Amino acid sequence: MGQPEHLDAARQLRADLPADIYLWVNAAEGRAYTDAEAAHWAEIDPLFAYSRVPHPSRGLPCRTGETVVSVDGEGTVRRCHFVPTVLGNLYDGSFGVALRPRLCPLDVCDCHIGYVHLEPLGLYSTFTDGILERIPIAWPRQSAGAAGHDGGR
């Protein structure tokens, strides 16, 4: 978690890890980072900017409810962990008829397991098979281009 009191430990962890291991730093919920603070975290995690502030999402195309769903222990299927509307049940297959392209009904999306599916962010090409794990395909980073992302801000 990107808390100021964790910065030195995170730097040490990054230094101790092999270069081919990606270290994800999640922004602390509700914390407003200055550009200088965010830059420190981006030295450790070049993709830190994505979690720095919530992403405006209402009305944007999102893969949830079409190719991505959230399932609880009872088999209840929802389009997204953060959208309470039930699509059906996994065990009886009733959710299948509800799968279709959808726009996000929420004002903002501030968690990786949600915003990674917002199509305008283009994060599927960044993470490919590491979508939920938040492991970028191009790691270790080959160029400085990824570090310059400001998350659309």
C-alpha atoms as a PDB file:
ATOM      1  CA  MET A   1       0.000   0.000   0.000  1.00  0.00           C
ATOM      2  CA  GLY A   2       1.426   3.362  -0.994  1.00  0.00           C
ATOM      3  CA  GLN A   3       1.489   4.964   2.435  1.00  0.00           C
ATOM      4  CA  PRO A   4       4.323   7.428   3.235  1.00  0.00           C
ATOM      5  CA  GLU A   5       5.502   5.312   6.150  1.00  0.00           C
ATOM      6  CA  HIS A   6       5.921   2.340   3.761  1.00  0.00           C
ATOM      7  CA  LEU A   7       8.078   4.101   1.183  1.00  0.00           C
ATOM      8  CA  ASP A   8      11.499   3.102   2.537  1.00  0.00           C
ATOM      9  CA  ALA A   9      10.422  -0.519   3.000  1.00  0.00           C
ATOM     10  CA  ALA A  10       8.960  -0.580  -0.523  1.00  0.00           C
ATOM     11  CA  ARG A  11      12.194   0.792  -1.952  1.00  0.00           C
ATOM     12  CA  GLN A  12      14.131  -1.893  -0.101  1.00  0.00           C
ATOM     13  CA  LEU A  13      11.755  -4.590  -1.311  1.00  0.00           C
ATOM     14  CA  ARG A  14      12.148  -3.398  -4.902  1.00  0.00           C
ATOM     15  CA  ALA A  15      15.942  -3.452  -4.496  1.00  0.00           C
ATOM     16  CA  ASP A  16      15.833  -6.959  -2.995  1.00  0.00           C
ATOM     17  CA  LEU A  17      13.572  -8.457  -5.672  1.00  0.00           C
ATOM     18  CA  PRO A  18      15.006  -9.779  -8.919  1.00  0.00           C
ATOM     19  CA  ALA A  19      14.590  -7.248 -11.735  1.00  0.00           C
ATOM     20  CA  ASP A  20      12.168  -9.543 -13.582  1.00  0.00           C
ATOM     21  CA  ILE A  21       9.668  -9.511 -10.682  1.00  0.00           C
ATOM     22  CA  TYR A  22       7.068  -6.765 -10.949  1.00  0.00           C
ATOM     23  CA  LEU A  23       6.178  -4.990  -7.711  1.00  0.00           C
ATOM     24  CA  TRP A  24       2.632  -3.618  -7.628  1.00  0.00           C
ATOM     25  CA  VAL A  25       2.096  -0.611  -5.381  1.00  0.00           C
ATOM     26  CA  ASN A  26      -1.550   0.097  -4.762  1.00  0.00           C
ATOM     27  CA  ALA A  27      -2.566   3.669  -3.958  1.00  0.00           C
ATOM     28  CA  ALA A  28      -4.118   4.055  -0.536  1.00  0.00           C
ATOM     29  CA  GLU A  29      -7.867   4.491  -0.762  1.00  0.00           C
ATOM     30  CA  GLY A  30      -8.938   8.088  -0.238  1.00  0.00           C
ATOM     31  CA  ARG A  31      -5.389   9.434  -0.203  1.00  0.00           C
ATOM     32  CA  ALA A  32      -4.621  12.436  -2.414  1.00  0.00           C
ATOM     33  CA  TYR A  33      -1.036  12.129  -3.640  1.00  0.00           C
ATOM     34  CA  THR A  34       0.970  15.153  -4.655  1.00  0.00           C
ATOM     35  CA  ASP A  35       2.835  14.786  -7.929  1.00  0.00           C
ATOM     36  CA  ALA A  36       6.082  14.500  -5.967  1.00  0.00           C
ATOM     37  CA  GLU A  37       4.690  11.721  -3.746  1.00  0.00           C
ATOM     38  CA  ALA A  38       3.320   9.862  -6.750  1.00  0.00           C
ATOM     39  CA  ALA A  39       6.692  10.137  -8.493  1.00  0.00           C
ATOM     40  CA  HIS A  40       8.364   8.293  -5.603  1.00  0.00           C
ATOM     41  CA  TRP A  41       5.901   5.437  -5.901  1.00  0.00           C
ATOM     42  CA  ALA A  42       6.208   5.387  -9.694  1.00  0.00           C
ATOM     43  CA  GLU A  43       9.949   4.752  -9.301  1.00  0.00           C
ATOM     44  CA  ILE A  44       8.966   1.467  -7.656  1.00  0.00           C
ATOM     45  CA  ASP A  45       5.862   0.758  -9.748  1.00  0.00           C
ATOM     46  CA  PRO A  46       5.803   2.561 -13.109  1.00  0.00           C
ATOM     47  CA  LEU A  47       2.054   1.866 -13.360  1.00  0.00           C
ATOM     48  CA  PHE A  48       1.232   3.455  -9.995  1.00  0.00           C
ATOM     49  CA  ALA A  49      -0.636   6.295 -11.727  1.00  0.00           C
ATOM     50  CA  TYR A  50      -3.492   3.960 -12.649  1.00  0.00           C
ATOM     51  CA  SER A  51      -4.451   3.522  -9.002  1.00  0.00           C
ATOM     52  CA  ARG A  52      -3.647   7.083  -7.928  1.00  0.00           C
ATOM     53  CA  VAL A  53      -7.118   8.549  -8.466  1.00  0.00           C
ATOM     54  CA  PRO A  54     -10.529   7.079  -9.338  1.00  0.00           C
ATOM     55  CA  HIS A  55     -11.306   6.764 -13.036  1.00  0.00           C
ATOM     56  CA  PRO A  56     -14.449   8.476 -14.333  1.00  0.00           C
ATOM     57  CA  SER A  57     -16.470   5.553 -15.656  1.00  0.00           C
ATOM     58  CA  ARG A  58     -20.184   6.330 -16.029  1.00  0.00           C
ATOM     59  CA  GLY A  59     -21.332   5.589 -19.551  1.00  0.00           C
ATOM     60  CA  LEU A  60     -18.001   4.164 -20.689  1.00  0.00           C
ATOM     61  CA  PRO A  61     -17.798   0.749 -22.347  1.00  0.00           C
ATOM     62  CA  CYS A  62     -16.737  -1.934 -19.895  1.00  0.00           C
ATOM     63  CA  ARG A  63     -16.146  -5.639 -20.428  1.00  0.00           C
ATOM     64  CA  THR A  64     -17.963  -6.536 -17.211  1.00  0.00           C
ATOM     65  CA  GLY A  65     -21.269  -8.209 -17.878  1.00  0.00           C
ATOM     66  CA  GLU A  66     -20.135  -9.398 -21.293  1.00  0.00           C
ATOM     67  CA  THR A  67     -16.847 -11.301 -21.040  1.00  0.00           C
ATOM     68  CA  VAL A  68     -16.117 -10.646 -17.360  1.00  0.00           C
ATOM     69  CA  VAL A  69     -18.316 -11.456 -14.380  1.00  0.00           C
ATOM     70  CA  SER A  70     -18.069 -11.630 -10.605  1.00  0.00           C
ATOM     71  CA  VAL A  71     -19.317 -14.777  -8.869  1.00  0.00           C
ATOM     72  CA  ASP A  72     -19.886 -15.194  -5.146  1.00  0.00           C
ATOM     73  CA  GLY A  73     -19.817 -18.437  -3.160  1.00  0.00           C
ATOM     74  CA  GLU A  74     -23.501 -19.103  -3.776  1.00  0.00           C
ATOM     75  CA  GLY A  75     -22.978 -18.893  -7.534  1.00  0.00           C
ATOM     76  CA  THR A  76     -24.666 -15.500  -7.828  1.00  0.00           C
ATOM     77  CA  VAL A  77     -23.310 -13.768 -10.914  1.00  0.00           C
ATOM     78  CA  ARG A  78     -22.971 -10.008 -11.135  1.00  0.00           C
ATOM     79  CA  ARG A  79     -21.321  -8.041 -13.895  1.00  0.00           C
ATOM     80  CA  CYS A  80     -18.828  -6.532 -11.464  1.00  0.00           C
ATOM     81  CA  HIS A  81     -17.905  -6.843  -7.813  1.00  0.00           C
ATOM     82  CA  PHE A  82     -18.967  -3.193  -7.426  1.00  0.00           C
ATOM     83  CA  VAL A  83     -22.308  -3.339  -9.276  1.00  0.00           C
ATOM     84  CA  PRO A  84     -24.980  -5.111  -7.181  1.00  0.00           C
ATOM     85  CA  THR A  85     -27.385  -6.069  -9.990  1.00  0.00           C
ATOM     86  CA  VAL A  86     -27.658  -9.853 -10.287  1.00  0.00           C
ATOM     87  CA  LEU A  87     -27.324 -11.379 -13.771  1.00  0.00           C
ATOM     88  CA  GLY A  88     -28.255 -14.911 -12.733  1.00  0.00           C
ATOM     89  CA  ASN A  89     -26.602 -17.946 -11.214  1.00  0.00           C
ATOM     90  CA  LEU A  90     -23.513 -19.867 -12.250  1.00  0.00           C
ATOM     91  CA  TYR A  91     -24.845 -23.231 -11.109  1.00  0.00           C
ATOM     92  CA  ASP A  92     -28.131 -23.133 -13.008  1.00  0.00           C
ATOM     93  CA  GLY A  93     -26.664 -21.307 -16.010  1.00  0.00           C
ATOM     94  CA  SER A  94     -29.244 -18.532 -15.847  1.00  0.00           C
ATOM     95  CA  PHE A  95     -26.602 -15.799 -16.137  1.00  0.00           C
ATOM     96  CA  GLY A  96     -25.715 -16.724 -19.731  1.00  0.00           C
ATOM     97  CA  VAL A  97     -28.676 -14.996 -21.344  1.00  0.00           C
ATOM     98  CA  ALA A  98     -27.772 -11.740 -19.564  1.00  0.00           C
ATOM     99  CA  LEU A  99     -24.240 -11.482 -21.010  1.00  0.00           C
ATOM    100  CA  ARG A 100     -23.926  -8.556 -23.406  1.00  0.00           C
ATOM    101  CA  PRO A 101     -21.861  -5.413 -23.994  1.00  0.00           C
ATOM    102  CA  ARG A 102     -22.486  -2.822 -21.308  1.00  0.00           C
ATOM    103  CA  LEU A 103     -21.660   0.714 -20.249  1.00  0.00           C
ATOM    104  CA  CYS A 104     -20.503   1.344 -16.708  1.00  0.00           C
ATOM    105  CA  PRO A 105     -23.323   2.540 -14.407  1.00  0.00           C
ATOM    106  CA  LEU A 106     -20.947   3.935 -11.756  1.00  0.00           C
ATOM    107  CA  ASP A 107     -19.604   7.484 -11.586  1.00  0.00           C
ATOM    108  CA  VAL A 108     -16.062   6.339 -10.877  1.00  0.00           C
ATOM    109  CA  CYS A 109     -14.094   3.140 -10.668  1.00  0.00           C
ATOM    110  CA  ASP A 110     -11.206   3.167  -8.215  1.00  0.00           C
ATOM    111  CA  CYS A 111     -10.195  -0.477  -7.860  1.00  0.00           C
ATOM    112  CA  HIS A 112      -7.996  -2.407 -10.264  1.00  0.00           C
ATOM    113  CA  ILE A 113     -10.393  -5.356 -10.453  1.00  0.00           C
ATOM    114  CA  GLY A 114     -12.960  -2.947 -11.881  1.00  0.00           C
ATOM    115  CA  TYR A 115     -11.167  -0.252 -13.895  1.00  0.00           C
ATOM    116  CA  VAL A 116      -8.917  -2.730 -15.678  1.00  0.00           C
ATOM    117  CA  HIS A 117     -12.019  -3.716 -17.689  1.00  0.00           C
ATOM    118  CA  LEU A 118     -12.898  -0.154 -18.762  1.00  0.00           C
ATOM    119  CA  GLU A 119     -12.216  -0.301 -22.476  1.00  0.00           C
ATOM    120  CA  PRO A 120     -11.039   3.325 -22.939  1.00  0.00           C
ATOM    121  CA  LEU A 121      -8.132   2.732 -20.537  1.00  0.00           C
ATOM    122  CA  GLY A 122      -6.697   0.076 -22.870  1.00  0.00           C
ATOM    123  CA  LEU A 123      -5.260  -1.961 -20.012  1.00  0.00           C
ATOM    124  CA  TYR A 124      -5.861  -5.332 -21.644  1.00  0.00           C
ATOM    125  CA  SER A 125      -2.925  -4.636 -23.942  1.00  0.00           C
ATOM    126  CA  THR A 126      -0.790  -3.628 -20.942  1.00  0.00           C
ATOM    127  CA  PHE A 127      -1.546  -6.704 -18.844  1.00  0.00           C
ATOM    128  CA  THR A 128      -2.715  -9.352 -21.380  1.00  0.00           C
ATOM    129  CA  ASP A 129      -2.756 -12.616 -19.384  1.00  0.00           C
ATOM    130  CA  GLY A 130      -1.986 -10.807 -16.114  1.00  0.00           C
ATOM    131  CA  ILE A 131      -5.168  -8.708 -16.000  1.00  0.00           C
ATOM    132  CA  LEU A 132      -6.326  -9.396 -12.449  1.00  0.00           C
ATOM    133  CA  GLU A 133      -2.833  -9.973 -11.106  1.00  0.00           C
ATOM    134  CA  ARG A 134      -1.795  -6.579 -12.503  1.00  0.00           C
ATOM    135  CA  ILE A 135       1.353  -8.004 -14.048  1.00  0.00           C
ATOM    136  CA  PRO A 136       2.293  -6.096 -17.203  1.00  0.00           C
ATOM    137  CA  ILE A 137       3.296  -8.058 -20.288  1.00  0.00           C
ATOM    138  CA  ALA A 138       6.319  -5.800 -20.894  1.00  0.00           C
ATOM    139  CA  TRP A 139       8.200  -6.479 -17.680  1.00  0.00           C
ATOM    140  CA  PRO A 140      10.925  -5.836 -16.968  1.00  0.00           C
ATOM    141  CA  ARG A 141      10.298  -2.504 -18.570  1.00  0.00           C
ATOM    142  CA  GLN A 142      12.268  -2.094 -21.782  1.00  0.00           C
ATOM    143  CA  SER A 143      11.769   1.628 -22.219  1.00  0.00           C
ATOM    144  CA  ALA A 144      10.907   4.682 -20.150  1.00  0.00           C
ATOM    145  CA  GLY A 145       7.606   5.133 -22.024  1.00  0.00           C
ATOM    146  CA  ALA A 146       5.484   3.329 -19.443  1.00  0.00           C
ATOM    147  CA  ALA A 147       6.762   5.478 -16.582  1.00  0.00           C
ATOM    148  CA  GLY A 148       5.351   8.621 -18.139  1.00  0.00           C
ATOM    149  CA  HIS A 149       1.698   7.533 -17.939  1.00  0.00           C
ATOM    150  CA  ASP A 150      -0.360   9.866 -15.807  1.00  0.00           C
ATOM    151  CA  GLY A 151      -3.553   7.780 -15.774  1.00  0.00           C
ATOM    152  CA  GLY A 152      -5.391  10.313 -17.924  1.00  0.00           C
ATOM    153  CA  ARG A 153      -4.908  13.062 -15.348  1.00  0.00           C
END
